[in-house]
């Protein structure tokens, strides 16, 4: 007689709640909208509708986070399509390698924003006098 293992245990426990249990897309009559491919008017309209539904979904943030963690390569997740998610994962210097990165390695720089006088060198005005 072999010893009993956990594989022999009955699976009668409920699955613990998951963020996607209350996702708005689960109630959709058109699940294919979230994976519409192509640039034709129909596919664009389907993706737009999927994003509209995502806009009011209580799970939007968790969905987007999970898609970014998994590297989802298709579909609308968390209200963003694959191109929009790709833009989130690139550093500004990776999007435009010809431009220099800011002094801080991970700083996001708004190219159109004016730099106040005295801050061009990356020092605050009060630090510039003591440097």
N, C-alpha and C. Protein backbone atom coordinates (compact mmCIF):
# COMPACT_ATOMS: atom_id res chain seq x y z
N UNK A 1 0.84 -1.17 0.00
CA UNK A 1 0.00 0.00 0.00
C UNK A 1 0.90 1.25 0.00
N UNK A 2 0.62 2.19 -0.90
CA UNK A 2 1.44 3.40 -0.98
C UNK A 2 0.96 4.42 0.04
N UNK A 3 1.87 5.30 0.49
CA UNK A 3 1.46 6.32 1.46
C UNK A 3 0.56 7.37 0.80
N UNK A 4 -0.32 7.95 1.59
CA UNK A 4 -1.21 9.00 1.08
C UNK A 4 -0.42 10.29 0.92
N UNK A 5 -0.68 11.00 -0.14
CA UNK A 5 -0.03 12.29 -0.39
C UNK A 5 -1.08 13.36 -0.60
N UNK A 6 -0.62 14.57 -0.74
CA UNK A 6 -1.57 15.66 -0.97
C UNK A 6 -2.27 15.51 -2.32
N UNK A 7 -1.69 14.74 -3.21
CA UNK A 7 -2.33 14.51 -4.51
C UNK A 7 -3.63 13.72 -4.35
N UNK A 8 -3.75 13.00 -3.25
CA UNK A 8 -4.95 12.22 -2.99
C UNK A 8 -6.04 13.04 -2.32
N UNK A 9 -5.70 14.24 -1.84
CA UNK A 9 -6.67 15.06 -1.12
C UNK A 9 -7.76 15.56 -2.08
N UNK A 10 -8.97 15.63 -1.61
CA UNK A 10 -10.04 16.13 -2.47
C UNK A 10 -9.87 17.63 -2.74
N UNK A 11 -10.26 18.06 -3.90
CA UNK A 11 -10.17 19.46 -4.27
C UNK A 11 -11.54 20.10 -4.08
N UNK A 12 -11.92 20.30 -2.81
CA UNK A 12 -13.24 20.84 -2.53
C UNK A 12 -13.18 22.25 -1.94
N UNK A 13 -12.03 22.89 -2.02
CA UNK A 13 -11.90 24.26 -1.51
C UNK A 13 -12.19 25.25 -2.64
N UNK A 14 -12.84 26.33 -2.28
CA UNK A 14 -13.10 27.38 -3.26
C UNK A 14 -11.80 28.09 -3.60
N UNK A 15 -11.74 28.54 -4.84
CA UNK A 15 -10.58 29.31 -5.27
C UNK A 15 -10.61 30.65 -4.55
N UNK A 16 -9.46 31.12 -4.04
CA UNK A 16 -9.47 32.42 -3.39
C UNK A 16 -9.81 33.52 -4.39
N UNK A 17 -10.36 34.63 -3.93
CA UNK A 17 -10.73 35.71 -4.85
C UNK A 17 -9.50 36.21 -5.62
N UNK A 18 -9.72 36.61 -6.83
CA UNK A 18 -8.65 37.14 -7.69
C UNK A 18 -9.14 38.47 -8.24
N UNK A 19 -8.22 39.37 -8.58
CA UNK A 19 -8.62 40.69 -9.05
C UNK A 19 -9.52 40.62 -10.27
N UNK A 20 -9.32 39.63 -11.13
CA UNK A 20 -10.11 39.59 -12.36
C UNK A 20 -11.53 39.04 -12.18
N UNK A 21 -11.86 38.62 -10.97
CA UNK A 21 -13.21 38.13 -10.73
C UNK A 21 -14.27 39.20 -11.00
N UNK A 22 -13.91 40.46 -10.75
CA UNK A 22 -14.88 41.54 -10.94
C UNK A 22 -14.53 42.42 -12.14
N UNK A 23 -13.74 41.88 -13.07
CA UNK A 23 -13.34 42.64 -14.26
C UNK A 23 -14.55 42.86 -15.19
N UNK A 24 -14.66 44.07 -15.70
CA UNK A 24 -15.79 44.42 -16.58
C UNK A 24 -15.78 43.60 -17.87
N UNK A 25 -14.62 43.22 -18.35
CA UNK A 25 -14.55 42.48 -19.61
C UNK A 25 -15.16 41.09 -19.49
N UNK A 26 -15.23 40.54 -18.29
CA UNK A 26 -15.82 39.21 -18.12
C UNK A 26 -17.31 39.19 -18.42
N UNK A 27 -17.95 40.35 -18.29
CA UNK A 27 -19.39 40.44 -18.55
C UNK A 27 -19.69 40.87 -19.98
N UNK A 28 -18.65 41.06 -20.78
CA UNK A 28 -18.84 41.55 -22.14
C UNK A 28 -19.45 40.48 -23.04
N UNK A 29 -20.32 40.94 -23.94
CA UNK A 29 -20.89 40.04 -24.94
C UNK A 29 -19.95 39.84 -26.12
N UNK A 30 -18.90 40.66 -26.18
CA UNK A 30 -17.95 40.63 -27.30
C UNK A 30 -16.52 40.47 -26.80
N UNK A 31 -16.14 39.29 -26.32
CA UNK A 31 -14.78 39.13 -25.78
C UNK A 31 -13.68 39.31 -26.83
N UNK A 32 -14.01 39.17 -28.10
CA UNK A 32 -12.99 39.33 -29.14
C UNK A 32 -12.54 40.78 -29.30
N UNK A 33 -13.32 41.73 -28.79
CA UNK A 33 -12.95 43.14 -28.90
C UNK A 33 -11.59 43.41 -28.26
N UNK A 34 -11.26 42.70 -27.21
CA UNK A 34 -10.00 42.93 -26.50
C UNK A 34 -8.81 42.41 -27.28
N UNK A 35 -9.04 41.64 -28.33
CA UNK A 35 -7.94 41.09 -29.12
C UNK A 35 -8.11 41.38 -30.60
N UNK A 36 -8.80 42.47 -30.93
CA UNK A 36 -8.98 42.86 -32.33
C UNK A 36 -7.63 43.28 -32.90
N UNK A 37 -7.28 42.70 -34.02
CA UNK A 37 -6.00 43.00 -34.67
C UNK A 37 -6.23 43.71 -35.99
N UNK A 38 -5.26 44.47 -36.40
CA UNK A 38 -5.33 45.14 -37.68
C UNK A 38 -5.59 46.62 -37.53
N UNK A 39 -5.55 47.30 -38.69
CA UNK A 39 -5.75 48.75 -38.68
C UNK A 39 -6.99 49.15 -39.46
N UNK A 40 -7.83 48.18 -39.79
CA UNK A 40 -9.07 48.50 -40.48
C UNK A 40 -10.05 49.15 -39.51
N UNK A 41 -11.05 49.81 -40.02
CA UNK A 41 -12.01 50.56 -39.21
C UNK A 41 -12.71 49.67 -38.18
N UNK A 42 -13.02 48.45 -38.54
CA UNK A 42 -13.71 47.54 -37.63
C UNK A 42 -12.84 47.20 -36.41
N UNK A 43 -11.56 46.87 -36.64
CA UNK A 43 -10.65 46.52 -35.55
C UNK A 43 -10.41 47.73 -34.65
N UNK A 44 -10.26 48.90 -35.24
CA UNK A 44 -10.05 50.11 -34.46
C UNK A 44 -11.27 50.39 -33.58
N UNK A 45 -12.46 50.23 -34.14
CA UNK A 45 -13.69 50.45 -33.39
C UNK A 45 -13.82 49.44 -32.24
N UNK A 46 -13.43 48.19 -32.49
CA UNK A 46 -13.51 47.18 -31.45
C UNK A 46 -12.54 47.48 -30.31
N UNK A 47 -11.31 47.89 -30.64
CA UNK A 47 -10.35 48.25 -29.60
C UNK A 47 -10.83 49.47 -28.81
N UNK A 48 -11.41 50.42 -29.52
CA UNK A 48 -11.94 51.62 -28.86
C UNK A 48 -13.04 51.24 -27.86
N UNK A 49 -13.91 50.34 -28.25
CA UNK A 49 -14.98 49.88 -27.35
C UNK A 49 -14.39 49.14 -26.15
N UNK A 50 -13.39 48.31 -26.39
CA UNK A 50 -12.74 47.59 -25.28
C UNK A 50 -12.13 48.60 -24.30
N UNK A 51 -11.47 49.62 -24.80
CA UNK A 51 -10.86 50.64 -23.94
C UNK A 51 -11.93 51.43 -23.17
N UNK A 52 -13.08 51.66 -23.82
CA UNK A 52 -14.17 52.36 -23.15
C UNK A 52 -14.67 51.54 -21.95
N UNK A 53 -14.83 50.24 -22.14
CA UNK A 53 -15.26 49.37 -21.05
C UNK A 53 -14.20 49.35 -19.94
N UNK A 54 -12.94 49.29 -20.33
CA UNK A 54 -11.85 49.29 -19.35
C UNK A 54 -11.84 50.58 -18.53
N UNK A 55 -12.26 51.67 -19.13
CA UNK A 55 -12.23 52.96 -18.45
C UNK A 55 -13.05 53.01 -17.18
N UNK A 56 -14.09 52.19 -17.09
CA UNK A 56 -14.91 52.18 -15.88
C UNK A 56 -14.73 50.91 -15.05
N UNK A 57 -13.72 50.12 -15.38
CA UNK A 57 -13.50 48.84 -14.70
C UNK A 57 -12.75 49.05 -13.38
N UNK A 58 -13.22 48.41 -12.31
CA UNK A 58 -12.54 48.54 -11.02
C UNK A 58 -11.19 47.81 -10.98
N UNK A 59 -10.93 46.98 -11.97
CA UNK A 59 -9.71 46.17 -11.99
C UNK A 59 -8.65 46.73 -12.95
N UNK A 60 -8.89 47.89 -13.49
CA UNK A 60 -8.02 48.42 -14.56
C UNK A 60 -6.55 48.45 -14.16
N UNK A 61 -6.23 48.97 -12.99
CA UNK A 61 -4.84 49.08 -12.57
C UNK A 61 -4.19 47.71 -12.39
N UNK A 62 -4.90 46.80 -11.73
CA UNK A 62 -4.36 45.45 -11.52
C UNK A 62 -4.18 44.73 -12.84
N UNK A 63 -5.11 44.92 -13.76
CA UNK A 63 -5.04 44.29 -15.08
C UNK A 63 -3.82 44.79 -15.85
N UNK A 64 -3.63 46.11 -15.86
CA UNK A 64 -2.49 46.68 -16.56
C UNK A 64 -1.19 46.20 -15.94
N UNK A 65 -1.12 46.20 -14.63
CA UNK A 65 0.09 45.73 -13.94
C UNK A 65 0.41 44.28 -14.31
N UNK A 66 -0.60 43.43 -14.29
CA UNK A 66 -0.39 42.02 -14.63
C UNK A 66 0.07 41.86 -16.07
N UNK A 67 -0.52 42.63 -16.98
CA UNK A 67 -0.13 42.54 -18.40
C UNK A 67 1.31 42.99 -18.59
N UNK A 68 1.73 44.04 -17.89
CA UNK A 68 3.11 44.51 -18.00
C UNK A 68 4.07 43.50 -17.42
N UNK A 69 3.71 42.86 -16.31
CA UNK A 69 4.56 41.83 -15.71
C UNK A 69 4.72 40.63 -16.64
N UNK A 70 3.65 40.23 -17.29
CA UNK A 70 3.69 39.06 -18.18
C UNK A 70 4.25 39.39 -19.56
N UNK A 71 4.34 40.68 -19.88
CA UNK A 71 4.80 41.07 -21.21
C UNK A 71 3.79 40.72 -22.29
N UNK A 72 2.51 40.93 -22.01
CA UNK A 72 1.46 40.61 -22.98
C UNK A 72 1.77 41.27 -24.32
N UNK A 73 1.75 40.49 -25.37
CA UNK A 73 2.14 40.99 -26.69
C UNK A 73 0.94 41.24 -27.60
N UNK A 74 -0.26 41.14 -27.07
CA UNK A 74 -1.44 41.43 -27.89
C UNK A 74 -2.59 41.80 -26.97
N UNK A 75 -3.59 42.40 -27.55
CA UNK A 75 -4.81 42.69 -26.82
C UNK A 75 -4.80 43.98 -26.03
N UNK A 76 -5.98 44.34 -25.56
CA UNK A 76 -6.16 45.50 -24.69
C UNK A 76 -6.19 44.98 -23.26
N UNK A 77 -5.31 45.51 -22.44
CA UNK A 77 -5.21 45.12 -21.03
C UNK A 77 -5.12 46.40 -20.22
N UNK A 78 -5.95 46.54 -19.22
CA UNK A 78 -5.91 47.73 -18.39
C UNK A 78 -6.19 49.00 -19.16
N UNK A 79 -6.91 48.89 -20.25
CA UNK A 79 -7.28 50.05 -21.04
C UNK A 79 -6.24 50.48 -22.06
N UNK A 80 -5.14 49.74 -22.18
CA UNK A 80 -4.08 50.10 -23.13
C UNK A 80 -3.83 48.97 -24.12
N UNK A 81 -3.60 49.34 -25.38
CA UNK A 81 -3.26 48.32 -26.37
C UNK A 81 -1.76 48.04 -26.33
N UNK A 82 -1.30 47.14 -27.17
CA UNK A 82 0.08 46.70 -27.12
C UNK A 82 1.07 47.84 -27.36
N UNK A 83 0.76 48.77 -28.26
CA UNK A 83 1.66 49.89 -28.53
C UNK A 83 1.71 50.85 -27.35
N UNK A 84 0.57 51.09 -26.74
CA UNK A 84 0.53 51.99 -25.57
C UNK A 84 1.28 51.39 -24.39
N UNK A 85 1.16 50.06 -24.22
CA UNK A 85 1.91 49.42 -23.14
C UNK A 85 3.40 49.44 -23.42
N UNK A 86 3.79 49.26 -24.68
CA UNK A 86 5.21 49.30 -25.03
C UNK A 86 5.80 50.67 -24.74
N UNK A 87 5.03 51.73 -24.98
CA UNK A 87 5.50 53.08 -24.70
C UNK A 87 5.74 53.28 -23.21
N UNK A 88 4.96 52.60 -22.37
CA UNK A 88 5.15 52.71 -20.92
C UNK A 88 6.44 52.05 -20.45
N UNK A 89 6.88 51.03 -21.14
CA UNK A 89 8.02 50.26 -20.67
C UNK A 89 9.35 50.78 -21.19
N UNK A 90 9.33 51.75 -22.09
CA UNK A 90 10.58 52.30 -22.60
C UNK A 90 10.97 53.55 -21.84
N UNK A 91 12.25 53.66 -21.50
CA UNK A 91 12.75 54.88 -20.89
C UNK A 91 12.79 55.97 -21.95
N UNK A 92 12.67 57.23 -21.57
CA UNK A 92 12.73 58.31 -22.56
C UNK A 92 13.98 58.25 -23.43
N UNK A 93 15.12 57.90 -22.88
CA UNK A 93 16.34 57.84 -23.67
C UNK A 93 16.31 56.69 -24.67
N UNK A 94 15.55 55.63 -24.36
CA UNK A 94 15.45 54.51 -25.29
C UNK A 94 14.54 54.86 -26.46
N UNK A 95 13.54 55.73 -26.23
CA UNK A 95 12.66 56.15 -27.31
C UNK A 95 13.34 57.10 -28.27
N UNK A 96 14.26 57.91 -27.75
CA UNK A 96 14.94 58.89 -28.59
C UNK A 96 16.43 58.86 -28.25
N UNK A 97 17.18 57.90 -28.80
CA UNK A 97 18.57 57.72 -28.40
C UNK A 97 19.47 58.91 -28.76
N UNK A 98 19.03 59.82 -29.65
CA UNK A 98 19.85 60.96 -30.02
C UNK A 98 19.90 62.05 -28.97
N UNK A 99 18.98 62.03 -28.03
CA UNK A 99 18.94 63.07 -26.99
C UNK A 99 19.62 62.57 -25.73
N UNK A 100 20.27 63.49 -25.04
CA UNK A 100 20.95 63.12 -23.81
C UNK A 100 19.93 62.91 -22.69
N UNK A 101 20.23 61.97 -21.82
CA UNK A 101 19.36 61.72 -20.66
C UNK A 101 19.60 62.82 -19.63
N UNK A 102 18.66 62.99 -18.74
CA UNK A 102 18.80 63.98 -17.67
C UNK A 102 19.90 63.55 -16.71
N UNK A 103 20.27 64.43 -15.79
CA UNK A 103 21.33 64.12 -14.83
C UNK A 103 21.00 62.88 -14.02
N UNK A 104 19.75 62.76 -13.58
CA UNK A 104 19.34 61.56 -12.85
C UNK A 104 19.09 60.45 -13.86
N UNK A 105 19.59 59.24 -13.61
CA UNK A 105 19.51 58.18 -14.62
C UNK A 105 18.11 57.80 -15.05
N UNK A 106 17.12 57.88 -14.16
CA UNK A 106 15.77 57.47 -14.52
C UNK A 106 14.80 58.63 -14.55
N UNK A 107 15.30 59.85 -14.63
CA UNK A 107 14.42 61.02 -14.63
C UNK A 107 13.67 61.11 -15.94
N UNK A 108 12.42 61.54 -15.86
CA UNK A 108 11.61 61.78 -17.05
C UNK A 108 11.67 63.28 -17.31
N UNK A 109 12.10 63.64 -18.49
CA UNK A 109 12.30 65.04 -18.82
C UNK A 109 11.24 65.48 -19.81
N UNK A 110 10.58 66.60 -19.51
CA UNK A 110 9.64 67.20 -20.44
C UNK A 110 10.42 68.18 -21.28
N UNK A 111 10.64 67.85 -22.54
CA UNK A 111 11.47 68.66 -23.42
C UNK A 111 10.92 70.06 -23.61
N UNK A 112 9.60 70.25 -23.47
CA UNK A 112 8.98 71.54 -23.70
C UNK A 112 8.98 72.42 -22.45
N UNK A 113 9.33 71.85 -21.31
CA UNK A 113 9.28 72.59 -20.06
C UNK A 113 10.50 73.51 -19.96
N UNK A 114 10.27 74.75 -19.57
CA UNK A 114 11.37 75.69 -19.40
C UNK A 114 12.04 75.44 -18.07
N UNK A 115 13.38 75.52 -18.06
CA UNK A 115 14.14 75.34 -16.84
C UNK A 115 14.29 76.70 -16.18
N UNK A 116 13.91 76.83 -14.89
CA UNK A 116 14.05 78.12 -14.21
C UNK A 116 15.51 78.56 -14.17
N UNK A 117 15.72 79.87 -14.16
CA UNK A 117 17.08 80.42 -14.13
C UNK A 117 17.83 79.87 -12.93
N UNK A 118 19.08 79.52 -13.13
CA UNK A 118 19.91 79.01 -12.04
C UNK A 118 19.88 77.51 -11.90
N UNK A 119 19.04 76.81 -12.67
CA UNK A 119 18.94 75.35 -12.54
C UNK A 119 19.49 74.64 -13.76
N UNK A 120 20.09 75.35 -14.70
CA UNK A 120 20.58 74.70 -15.92
C UNK A 120 21.63 73.64 -15.63
N UNK A 121 22.47 73.86 -14.61
CA UNK A 121 23.55 72.93 -14.31
C UNK A 121 23.12 71.78 -13.45
N UNK A 122 21.85 71.67 -13.14
CA UNK A 122 21.37 70.56 -12.34
C UNK A 122 21.44 70.83 -10.85
N UNK A 123 21.82 72.05 -10.45
CA UNK A 123 21.86 72.39 -9.03
C UNK A 123 20.72 73.33 -8.73
N UNK A 124 20.20 73.22 -7.54
CA UNK A 124 19.19 74.16 -7.10
C UNK A 124 19.86 75.50 -6.85
N UNK A 125 19.16 76.64 -6.98
CA UNK A 125 19.79 77.95 -6.82
C UNK A 125 20.54 78.10 -5.50
N UNK A 126 20.01 77.56 -4.39
CA UNK A 126 20.70 77.72 -3.10
C UNK A 126 21.98 76.91 -3.06
N UNK A 127 22.04 75.80 -3.83
CA UNK A 127 23.26 74.98 -3.86
C UNK A 127 24.32 75.57 -4.77
N UNK A 128 23.92 76.36 -5.76
CA UNK A 128 24.85 76.90 -6.74
C UNK A 128 25.84 77.85 -6.07
N UNK A 129 25.40 78.59 -5.05
CA UNK A 129 26.28 79.54 -4.40
C UNK A 129 27.33 78.87 -3.54
N UNK A 130 27.03 77.67 -3.03
CA UNK A 130 27.96 76.98 -2.15
C UNK A 130 28.84 76.00 -2.88
N UNK A 131 28.57 75.76 -4.15
CA UNK A 131 29.34 74.75 -4.89
C UNK A 131 30.67 75.29 -5.35
